[in-house]
Protein backbone atom coordinates (compact mmCIF):
# COMPACT_ATOMS: atom_id res chain seq x y z
CA UNK A 1 165.74 -30.78 171.62
CA UNK A 2 166.79 -31.07 167.97
CA UNK A 3 164.82 -32.17 164.92
CA UNK A 4 166.18 -33.86 161.79
CA UNK A 5 164.49 -32.46 158.69
CA UNK A 6 164.19 -33.36 155.01
CA UNK A 7 162.67 -36.79 155.58
CA UNK A 8 165.73 -38.31 157.30
CA UNK A 9 165.09 -41.30 159.52
CA UNK A 10 163.62 -40.29 162.85
CA UNK A 11 163.18 -36.71 161.71
CA UNK A 12 160.27 -34.33 162.23
CA UNK A 13 157.66 -34.09 159.50
CA UNK A 14 156.85 -30.51 158.56
CA UNK A 15 153.83 -29.23 156.63
CA UNK A 16 155.66 -26.55 154.66
CA UNK A 17 154.11 -23.62 156.55
CA UNK A 18 156.78 -21.12 157.66
CA UNK A 19 155.93 -18.27 160.03
CA UNK A 20 157.89 -15.59 161.85
CA UNK A 21 158.12 -15.46 165.65
CA UNK A 22 159.90 -13.36 168.27
CA UNK A 23 162.28 -15.34 170.49
CA UNK A 24 160.87 -15.29 174.01
CA UNK A 25 162.87 -13.77 176.88
CA UNK A 26 165.48 -16.17 178.23
CA UNK A 27 165.52 -18.34 175.10
CA UNK A 28 168.16 -19.00 172.46
CA UNK A 29 167.11 -20.84 169.30
CA UNK A 30 169.32 -22.67 166.80
CA UNK A 31 168.24 -23.86 163.34
CA UNK A 32 166.75 -27.35 163.66
CA UNK A 33 165.63 -26.94 167.28
CA UNK A 34 162.21 -28.20 168.27
CA UNK A 35 160.24 -25.17 169.40
CA UNK A 36 157.02 -24.23 171.15
CA UNK A 37 154.88 -21.34 169.90
CA UNK A 38 153.54 -18.95 172.53
CA UNK A 39 150.88 -16.26 171.94
CA UNK A 40 150.44 -13.16 174.08
CA UNK A 41 147.19 -11.16 174.10
CA UNK A 42 146.50 -7.58 175.08
CA UNK A 43 143.36 -5.49 174.76
CA UNK A 44 142.35 -1.85 174.82
CA UNK A 45 139.60 -0.23 176.86
CA UNK A 46 136.05 -0.46 175.56
CA UNK A 47 134.81 2.14 173.11
CA UNK A 48 131.00 2.43 172.83
CA UNK A 49 131.12 3.55 169.22
CA UNK A 50 127.40 3.64 168.32
CA UNK A 51 125.48 5.84 170.75
CA UNK A 52 122.13 4.11 170.32
CA UNK A 53 120.63 0.74 171.16
CA UNK A 54 121.44 -1.85 168.50
CA UNK A 55 120.72 -5.51 167.86
CA UNK A 56 122.36 -7.23 164.89
CA UNK A 57 125.91 -6.34 163.87
CA UNK A 58 127.90 -7.32 160.78
CA UNK A 59 131.29 -5.88 159.83
CA UNK A 60 134.03 -6.11 157.19
CA UNK A 61 137.58 -4.72 157.20
CA UNK A 62 138.07 -2.45 154.18
CA UNK A 63 141.68 -1.61 155.07
CA UNK A 64 143.95 -1.38 158.11
CA UNK A 65 142.30 1.91 159.04
CA UNK A 66 138.74 1.49 157.77
CA UNK A 67 135.94 -0.91 158.76
CA UNK A 68 132.41 -1.19 157.36
CA UNK A 69 129.72 -1.83 160.01
CA UNK A 70 126.00 -2.49 159.52
CA UNK A 71 123.48 -2.93 162.32
CA UNK A 72 119.81 -2.54 163.24
CA UNK A 73 118.46 0.35 165.29
CA UNK A 74 116.54 -1.09 168.26
CA UNK A 75 114.02 1.77 168.27
CA UNK A 76 113.00 1.70 164.61
CA UNK A 77 114.29 -1.68 163.51
CA UNK A 78 115.82 0.06 160.48
CA UNK A 79 119.05 -1.13 158.90
CA UNK A 80 121.92 1.36 159.20
CA UNK A 81 125.52 1.30 157.94
CA UNK A 82 128.59 3.36 158.77
CA UNK A 83 132.33 3.50 158.11
CA UNK A 84 134.65 3.39 161.14
CA UNK A 85 138.05 5.06 160.77
CA UNK A 86 140.88 3.70 162.95
CA UNK A 87 143.86 5.69 164.18
CA UNK A 88 145.96 3.74 166.66
CA UNK A 89 143.53 2.60 169.36
CA UNK A 90 141.03 5.36 168.60
CA UNK A 91 138.06 4.99 166.26
CA UNK A 92 136.01 7.71 164.58
CA UNK A 93 132.48 7.10 163.40
CA UNK A 94 131.38 8.41 160.02
CA UNK A 95 127.84 9.48 159.22
CA UNK A 96 125.42 6.53 159.51
CA UNK A 97 123.22 5.83 156.48
CA UNK A 98 119.81 4.15 156.65
CA UNK A 99 119.93 1.50 153.93
CA UNK A 100 116.52 -0.06 154.71
CA UNK A 101 113.80 2.06 156.31
CA UNK A 102 111.73 -0.78 157.70
CA UNK A 103 112.23 -3.34 160.46
CA UNK A 104 114.85 -5.94 159.49
CA UNK A 105 116.94 -8.55 161.29
CA UNK A 106 119.67 -11.20 160.84
CA UNK A 107 122.20 -9.16 158.87
CA UNK A 108 124.99 -10.93 156.99
CA UNK A 109 127.45 -9.14 154.68
CA UNK A 110 130.22 -9.89 152.19
CA UNK A 111 132.73 -7.64 150.44
CA UNK A 112 132.15 -7.94 146.69
CA UNK A 113 134.84 -5.48 145.57
CA UNK A 114 136.84 -2.57 146.92
CA UNK A 115 133.79 -0.34 146.48
CA UNK A 116 130.76 -2.56 147.13
CA UNK A 117 129.24 -4.57 149.96
CA UNK A 118 126.38 -7.07 149.59
CA UNK A 119 124.08 -7.41 152.61
CA UNK A 120 121.38 -10.04 153.11
CA UNK A 121 118.78 -9.76 155.83
CA UNK A 122 115.24 -10.65 156.87
CA UNK A 123 112.32 -8.29 156.21
CA UNK A 124 110.39 -8.57 159.49
CA UNK A 125 107.15 -7.38 157.84
CA UNK A 126 106.93 -9.71 154.84
CA UNK A 127 109.20 -12.29 156.54
CA UNK A 128 111.00 -12.72 153.20
CA UNK A 129 114.78 -12.67 152.89
CA UNK A 130 116.20 -9.66 151.05
CA UNK A 131 119.48 -8.45 149.56
CA UNK A 132 120.92 -5.00 148.86
CA UNK A 133 124.19 -3.59 147.49
CA UNK A 134 125.91 -0.68 149.24
CA UNK A 135 128.48 1.38 147.32
CA UNK A 136 131.49 2.63 149.30
CA UNK A 137 133.42 5.80 148.38
CA UNK A 138 135.74 6.73 151.23
CA UNK A 139 133.43 7.31 154.20
CA UNK A 140 130.35 7.78 152.00
CA UNK A 141 127.84 4.93 151.68
CA UNK A 142 125.15 4.85 148.99
CA UNK A 143 122.43 2.21 149.08
CA UNK A 144 120.95 0.49 146.06
CA UNK A 145 117.46 -1.00 145.85
CA UNK A 146 116.66 -4.06 147.95
CA UNK A 147 115.18 -7.16 146.33
CA UNK A 148 113.47 -10.22 147.75
CA UNK A 149 115.98 -12.94 147.03
CA UNK A 150 113.31 -15.48 147.90
CA UNK A 151 109.53 -15.34 148.30
CA UNK A 152 109.01 -19.06 148.89
CA UNK A 153 106.57 -18.72 151.76
CA UNK A 154 107.83 -17.74 155.19
CA UNK A 155 111.61 -17.93 155.36
CA UNK A 156 113.59 -18.28 158.55
CA UNK A 157 116.45 -16.39 160.13
CA UNK A 158 119.27 -18.63 158.89
CA UNK A 159 121.26 -17.66 155.81
CA UNK A 160 124.87 -17.35 154.66
CA UNK A 161 126.14 -15.23 151.74
CA UNK A 162 129.29 -16.04 149.72
CA UNK A 163 131.15 -13.98 147.12
CA UNK A 164 132.05 -15.95 143.98
CA UNK A 165 133.32 -13.05 141.82
CA UNK A 166 133.00 -9.26 141.91
CA UNK A 167 129.55 -9.58 140.33
CA UNK A 168 128.30 -13.00 141.50
CA UNK A 169 127.30 -14.34 144.90
CA UNK A 170 125.35 -17.26 146.30
CA UNK A 171 123.10 -17.25 149.34
CA UNK A 172 122.34 -20.49 151.18
CA UNK A 173 119.28 -20.28 153.40
CA UNK A 174 116.82 -22.27 155.46
CA UNK A 175 113.11 -22.14 154.76
CA UNK A 176 111.00 -21.74 157.86
CA UNK A 177 108.88 -24.70 156.81
CA UNK A 178 111.92 -26.89 156.20
CA UNK A 179 114.55 -27.38 153.56
CA UNK A 180 117.93 -25.94 152.64
CA UNK A 181 117.96 -23.78 149.50
CA UNK A 182 120.34 -21.61 147.53
CA UNK A 183 119.95 -18.66 145.19
CA UNK A 184 122.58 -17.15 142.87
CA UNK A 185 122.73 -13.35 142.75
CA UNK A 186 124.19 -11.33 139.86
CA UNK A 187 125.20 -7.71 140.45
CA UNK A 188 125.24 -4.89 137.91
CA UNK A 189 126.34 -1.84 139.85
CA UNK A 190 123.83 -1.70 142.71
CA UNK A 191 121.16 -3.62 140.75
CA UNK A 192 120.64 -7.29 141.66
CA UNK A 193 119.10 -10.11 139.62
CA UNK A 194 118.51 -13.61 140.96
CA UNK A 195 118.26 -17.20 139.86
CA UNK A 196 115.38 -19.49 140.75
CA UNK A 197 115.31 -20.91 144.27
CA UNK A 198 117.50 -24.02 144.17
CA UNK A 199 116.77 -26.91 146.50
CA UNK A 200 119.71 -28.71 148.11
CA UNK A 201 117.88 -30.69 150.78
CA UNK A 202 114.26 -31.01 151.89
CA UNK A 203 115.33 -31.94 155.42
CA UNK A 204 114.71 -29.42 158.19
CA UNK A 205 117.96 -27.65 159.06
CA UNK A 206 118.94 -25.36 161.93
CA UNK A 207 122.23 -23.57 161.21
CA UNK A 208 123.99 -22.77 157.92
CA UNK A 209 127.52 -21.57 157.08
CA UNK A 210 129.07 -21.31 153.61
CA UNK A 211 132.55 -20.30 152.36
CA UNK A 212 133.89 -20.04 148.81
CA UNK A 213 136.61 -22.55 147.93
CA UNK A 214 137.10 -20.87 144.54
CA UNK A 215 134.91 -19.10 141.96
CA UNK A 216 132.85 -22.22 141.22
CA UNK A 217 132.95 -24.30 144.41
CA UNK A 218 131.36 -23.54 147.77
CA UNK A 219 131.90 -25.33 151.07
CA UNK A 220 128.60 -25.66 152.95
CA UNK A 221 128.30 -26.71 156.60
CA UNK A 222 124.87 -27.18 158.14
CA UNK A 223 123.04 -28.90 160.97
CA UNK A 224 119.91 -30.98 160.71
CA UNK A 225 117.03 -30.46 163.13
CA UNK A 226 118.37 -31.77 166.48
CA UNK A 227 120.60 -34.13 164.55
CA UNK A 228 123.95 -34.44 162.79
CA UNK A 229 126.26 -31.62 161.74
CA UNK A 230 127.17 -32.11 158.07
CA UNK A 231 129.24 -30.59 155.24
CA UNK A 232 129.14 -30.77 151.45
CA UNK A 233 130.73 -29.11 148.41
CA UNK A 234 128.51 -27.30 145.90
CA UNK A 235 129.67 -26.69 142.33
CA UNK A 236 128.05 -23.51 141.04
CA UNK A 237 127.27 -22.77 137.37
CA UNK A 238 125.48 -19.76 135.86
CA UNK A 239 122.09 -20.28 137.50
CA UNK A 240 122.24 -23.66 139.23
CA UNK A 241 124.49 -25.90 141.31
CA UNK A 242 125.36 -29.56 141.74
CA UNK A 243 126.76 -31.13 144.87
CA UNK A 244 129.05 -33.88 146.07
CA UNK A 245 128.48 -36.39 148.85
CA UNK A 246 127.75 -34.88 152.26
CA UNK A 247 129.80 -36.06 155.24
CA UNK A 248 129.05 -35.97 158.97
CA UNK A 249 131.18 -33.68 161.14
CA UNK A 250 129.45 -34.65 164.38
CA UNK A 251 126.91 -37.40 164.97
CA UNK A 252 124.43 -36.09 167.54
CA UNK A 253 120.78 -35.94 168.53
CA UNK A 254 121.22 -32.54 170.18
CA UNK A 255 120.52 -29.10 168.71
CA UNK A 256 123.28 -27.25 166.85
CA UNK A 257 122.25 -23.61 166.58
CA UNK A 258 125.49 -21.88 165.51
CA UNK A 259 127.95 -22.80 162.73
CA UNK A 260 130.84 -20.69 161.44
CA UNK A 261 133.37 -21.76 158.80
CA UNK A 262 136.66 -20.23 157.69
CA UNK A 263 139.03 -21.15 154.86
CA UNK A 264 142.52 -22.24 155.98
CA UNK A 265 143.87 -22.79 152.46
CA UNK A 266 142.71 -24.09 149.09
CA UNK A 267 142.22 -27.62 150.42
CA UNK A 268 141.02 -27.23 154.00
CA UNK A 269 138.40 -25.51 156.15
CA UNK A 270 138.05 -24.96 159.88
CA UNK A 271 134.47 -25.33 161.09
CA UNK A 272 133.23 -24.23 164.49
CA UNK A 273 129.78 -25.09 165.82
CA UNK A 274 127.81 -25.08 169.06
CA UNK A 275 126.01 -28.32 169.94
CA UNK A 276 124.14 -28.80 173.22
CA UNK A 277 125.98 -25.79 174.66
CA UNK A 278 129.52 -26.90 173.79
CA UNK A 279 131.65 -25.21 171.14
CA UNK A 280 133.47 -27.60 168.78
CA UNK A 281 136.18 -27.16 166.19
CA UNK A 282 136.99 -29.50 163.30
CA UNK A 283 139.22 -29.42 160.22
CA UNK A 284 137.77 -30.61 156.91
CA UNK A 285 140.03 -31.55 153.98
CA UNK A 286 138.80 -30.91 150.43
CA UNK A 287 139.65 -32.76 147.21
CA UNK A 288 137.42 -31.73 144.32
CA UNK A 289 133.96 -32.30 145.80
CA UNK A 290 135.12 -34.99 148.23
CA UNK A 291 135.46 -34.14 151.93
CA UNK A 292 137.25 -35.82 154.84
CA UNK A 293 136.75 -34.55 158.39
CA UNK A 294 139.06 -34.94 161.35
CA UNK A 295 137.79 -35.42 164.91
CA UNK A 296 135.69 -32.65 166.47
CA UNK A 297 137.21 -31.13 169.63
CA UNK A 298 135.48 -28.96 172.25
CA UNK A 299 137.00 -25.51 172.85
CA UNK A 300 134.54 -24.16 175.47
CA UNK A 301 131.05 -24.40 176.91
CA UNK A 302 128.74 -27.06 178.33
CA UNK A 303 125.07 -27.44 179.25
CA UNK A 304 125.44 -25.26 182.38
CA UNK A 305 127.38 -22.46 180.64
CA UNK A 306 126.58 -22.70 176.96
CA UNK A 307 128.18 -20.98 173.99
CA UNK A 308 126.07 -17.87 173.33
CA UNK A 309 127.71 -16.82 170.07
CA UNK A 310 131.15 -16.88 168.43
CA UNK A 311 133.20 -15.64 165.48
CA UNK A 312 136.34 -16.93 163.72
CA UNK A 313 139.46 -14.98 162.67
CA UNK A 314 142.19 -16.52 160.50
CA UNK A 315 145.64 -15.62 161.83
CA UNK A 316 147.53 -18.10 159.64
CA UNK A 317 146.95 -21.44 157.88
CA UNK A 318 147.51 -23.16 161.21
CA UNK A 319 146.02 -20.67 163.70
CA UNK A 320 142.40 -19.60 164.16
CA UNK A 321 141.23 -17.23 166.87
CA UNK A 322 137.78 -18.11 168.23
CA UNK A 323 136.04 -15.16 169.91
CA UNK A 324 132.96 -16.08 171.92
CA UNK A 325 130.72 -15.47 174.91
CA UNK A 326 128.98 -17.90 177.26
CA UNK A 327 125.46 -17.77 178.72
CA UNK A 328 126.98 -17.47 182.22
CA UNK A 329 128.66 -14.11 182.67
CA UNK A 330 128.42 -13.24 178.96
CA UNK A 331 132.06 -12.09 179.02
CA UNK A 332 133.91 -11.51 175.79
CA UNK A 333 136.46 -14.35 175.46
CA UNK A 334 139.00 -15.53 172.91
CA UNK A 335 140.86 -18.80 172.49
CA UNK A 336 143.51 -19.86 169.99
CA UNK A 337 143.04 -23.04 167.96
CA UNK A 338 146.37 -24.59 166.90
CA UNK A 339 145.91 -26.71 163.79
CA UNK A 340 148.69 -29.21 163.10
CA UNK A 341 146.69 -31.29 160.62
CA UNK A 342 143.12 -32.49 160.17
CA UNK A 343 143.58 -35.05 162.94
CA UNK A 344 145.25 -32.83 165.53
CA UNK A 345 143.85 -29.59 166.98
CA UNK A 346 144.79 -28.09 170.34
CA UNK A 347 143.53 -24.98 172.13
CA UNK A 348 145.44 -22.47 174.23
CA UNK A 349 144.10 -20.94 177.44
CA UNK A 350 141.05 -18.68 177.26
CA UNK A 351 141.69 -14.92 177.23
CA UNK A 352 138.98 -12.56 178.53
CA UNK A 353 138.97 -9.30 176.57
CA UNK A 354 135.77 -7.83 178.05
CA UNK A 355 134.75 -8.79 181.61
CA UNK A 356 131.25 -7.28 181.36
CA UNK A 357 128.01 -8.90 180.24
CA UNK A 358 127.65 -8.53 176.47
CA UNK A 359 126.22 -10.22 173.42
CA UNK A 360 129.28 -10.82 171.30
CA UNK A 361 128.88 -9.76 167.68
CA UNK A 362 131.72 -10.29 165.23
CA UNK A 363 135.51 -10.25 164.94
CA UNK A 364 137.25 -8.17 162.28
CA UNK A 365 140.90 -9.01 161.53
CA UNK A 366 143.06 -6.06 160.53
CA UNK A 367 146.18 -6.38 158.37
CA UNK A 368 148.44 -5.71 161.35
CA UNK A 369 147.17 -8.88 163.00
CA UNK A 370 145.07 -6.99 165.51
CA UNK A 371 141.47 -8.05 166.00
CA UNK A 372 138.63 -5.55 166.34
CA UNK A 373 135.98 -7.19 168.52
CA UNK A 374 132.49 -5.73 168.02
CA UNK A 375 129.65 -6.50 170.42
CA UNK A 376 126.57 -5.14 172.20
CA UNK A 377 126.70 -4.26 175.89
CA UNK A 378 123.91 -6.20 177.64
CA UNK A 379 123.20 -3.32 180.04
CA UNK A 380 123.14 -0.30 177.70
CA UNK A 381 122.32 -2.31 174.55
CA UNK A 382 124.78 -0.03 172.74
CA UNK A 383 127.51 -1.25 170.39
CA UNK A 384 131.02 -1.47 171.84
CA UNK A 385 134.43 -2.41 170.55
CA UNK A 386 137.78 -3.64 171.85
CA UNK A 387 141.08 -4.02 170.02
CA UNK A 388 142.84 -7.32 170.79
CA UNK A 389 146.55 -7.40 170.02
CA UNK A 390 148.34 -10.70 169.39
CA UNK A 391 152.10 -11.16 169.70
CA UNK A 392 153.75 -14.40 168.50
CA UNK A 393 156.71 -15.75 170.47
CA UNK A 394 158.86 -18.86 170.17
CA UNK A 395 160.82 -20.76 172.81
CA UNK A 396 162.73 -24.02 172.99
CA UNK A 397 160.44 -27.03 173.52
CA UNK A 398 161.74 -28.86 176.58
CA UNK A 399 159.03 -31.54 176.60
CA UNK A 400 157.83 -33.66 173.68
CA UNK A 401 154.20 -32.68 174.30
CA UNK A 402 155.11 -29.01 173.83
CA UNK A 403 156.70 -29.41 170.39
CA UNK A 404 154.86 -27.23 167.85
CA UNK A 405 157.48 -26.72 165.17
CA UNK A 406 161.10 -26.73 164.04
CA UNK A 407 163.26 -23.60 163.80
CA UNK A 408 164.38 -22.72 160.28
CA UNK A 409 166.65 -19.88 161.38
CA UNK A 410 168.46 -19.06 164.60
CA UNK A 411 168.02 -16.20 167.05
CA UNK A 412 168.39 -14.96 170.59
CA UNK A 413 166.01 -13.18 172.94
CA UNK A 414 163.84 -10.52 171.19
CA UNK A 415 165.11 -11.42 167.69
CA UNK A 416 162.73 -12.61 164.97
CA UNK A 417 163.22 -16.10 163.55
CA UNK A 418 161.41 -18.32 161.07
CA UNK A 419 159.99 -21.71 162.02
CA UNK A 420 158.21 -24.63 160.36
CA UNK A 421 154.95 -25.99 161.78
CA UNK A 422 154.96 -29.75 162.31
CA UNK A 423 152.49 -31.80 160.31
CA UNK A 424 152.15 -34.38 163.04
C-alpha cells in the first residue's frame, strides 16, 4: 500500500516524527509505502543485586553503564544508596551508603546535575516529609543533611519531586489531613533551603505525579479522594506558584491510587493511572497553561486482577513502555503504548519479563534503548533486576488497520530505513 505525502489530496498526514527501523525478514520497503511498526522484546536472567531484604526502590540512570539506586533496608528501615555499574548483561554493586540512619519510606528521587541527586522521603518517626542531597563522584556517594521540607502536621505518603534547574526543585505532596501542597527547594551544594508551604487545593487527594514542562512550568496530575483524575499546569516563580484551569482526565467515583506522568515533547504528556484496578493511559496536550486531554484507554488490569504498580519509560515521542505487575501472579510485565496523537493510542501485546511473584519497582531507560527493570522478589524480599532489550522492526502494512507510518527511505530485509509516524 502506498501513501501520498506533502498534503496532496488523499494522502497520509504525518506528524513530523521520523524514526529508524530494521526491515523485518521477508519484507521489502519502498519510499512512500504504508508500513507497520513491530517491536521485539528479549530479557536477561534475573540478578538479585542487593543481598538483603528491601522495600522501597528509586533509581536514575547516570550513564549507559552507571545507575544510581536508593532503597530502604527492611531490617533497620534506614535509607541506603548505591551505584550499579553495568557491563553487558552483568551488573556490579558499589559500596552502599546509609544516607538516613532512621526508619524512612516512600522514596522518590530526581537527578539535579551530573553530580547530585535529590531524594524526598517520609520520616516514619516524625511522620514529616524530608529531603536530602546526595553528591555523586564516580561510585562514591556522599550525603548532605536532611531537612523537613514540610512540618504541617502529619503528612502522608504521596509526593512527587521535579527538577526545575540544577539548583531548584519543587515537591508536590498530599497532607494526611487533606489538601494538595507544594514547596520550592533551593540547593547550595548539599544544603537545602525551602519556601513556605504553598496550597494548591484543599480537597483530599490520593495520588500525585508531577513533571517539568520547562524551568518555570510544571505539569501536575492528581486524583481526588475516590473521585476524578485531574491535571493542571503550575507556573513557578522564586518562592510561589500560580496555576491554570484544571481539567478532568477521567470522571470516576472509584479510587485512583497510582499516577505516573512522562513528557513526550514540549507540548504533550502521557499520563498513566490505576483506577478501580484498571491501568489507563491518556495523552494531554499543553498550550501555555491550557490543557486538552484525549480519551483514556485501558492497557491492563481489572477488579479481579488489579494493577499493583507500574512505571513509564519514554522510547520516543510516540512510544512509551509501561512496565507493571498485577495483584494476581505479580509477574513483571511490559506493554508498548503507540501514540499517534492525543485522540489515538493503541497497545501492543503484553510481554512477561519476570514470571515470578514480585513487587515491581521502577524502570530505568539506558541510552542504548535497553530497559533495566528493578523490583523486589516477593519470596526473598530481595531486590532483583532484569534487562529488557527492545528491537524496532518495520514491515509493509497489508491492512488499513495496521498502518502506523509511511516509509521515508527504502530498504530490504535486515536493512535500516527511516519512516514517518502518521498523525491520524
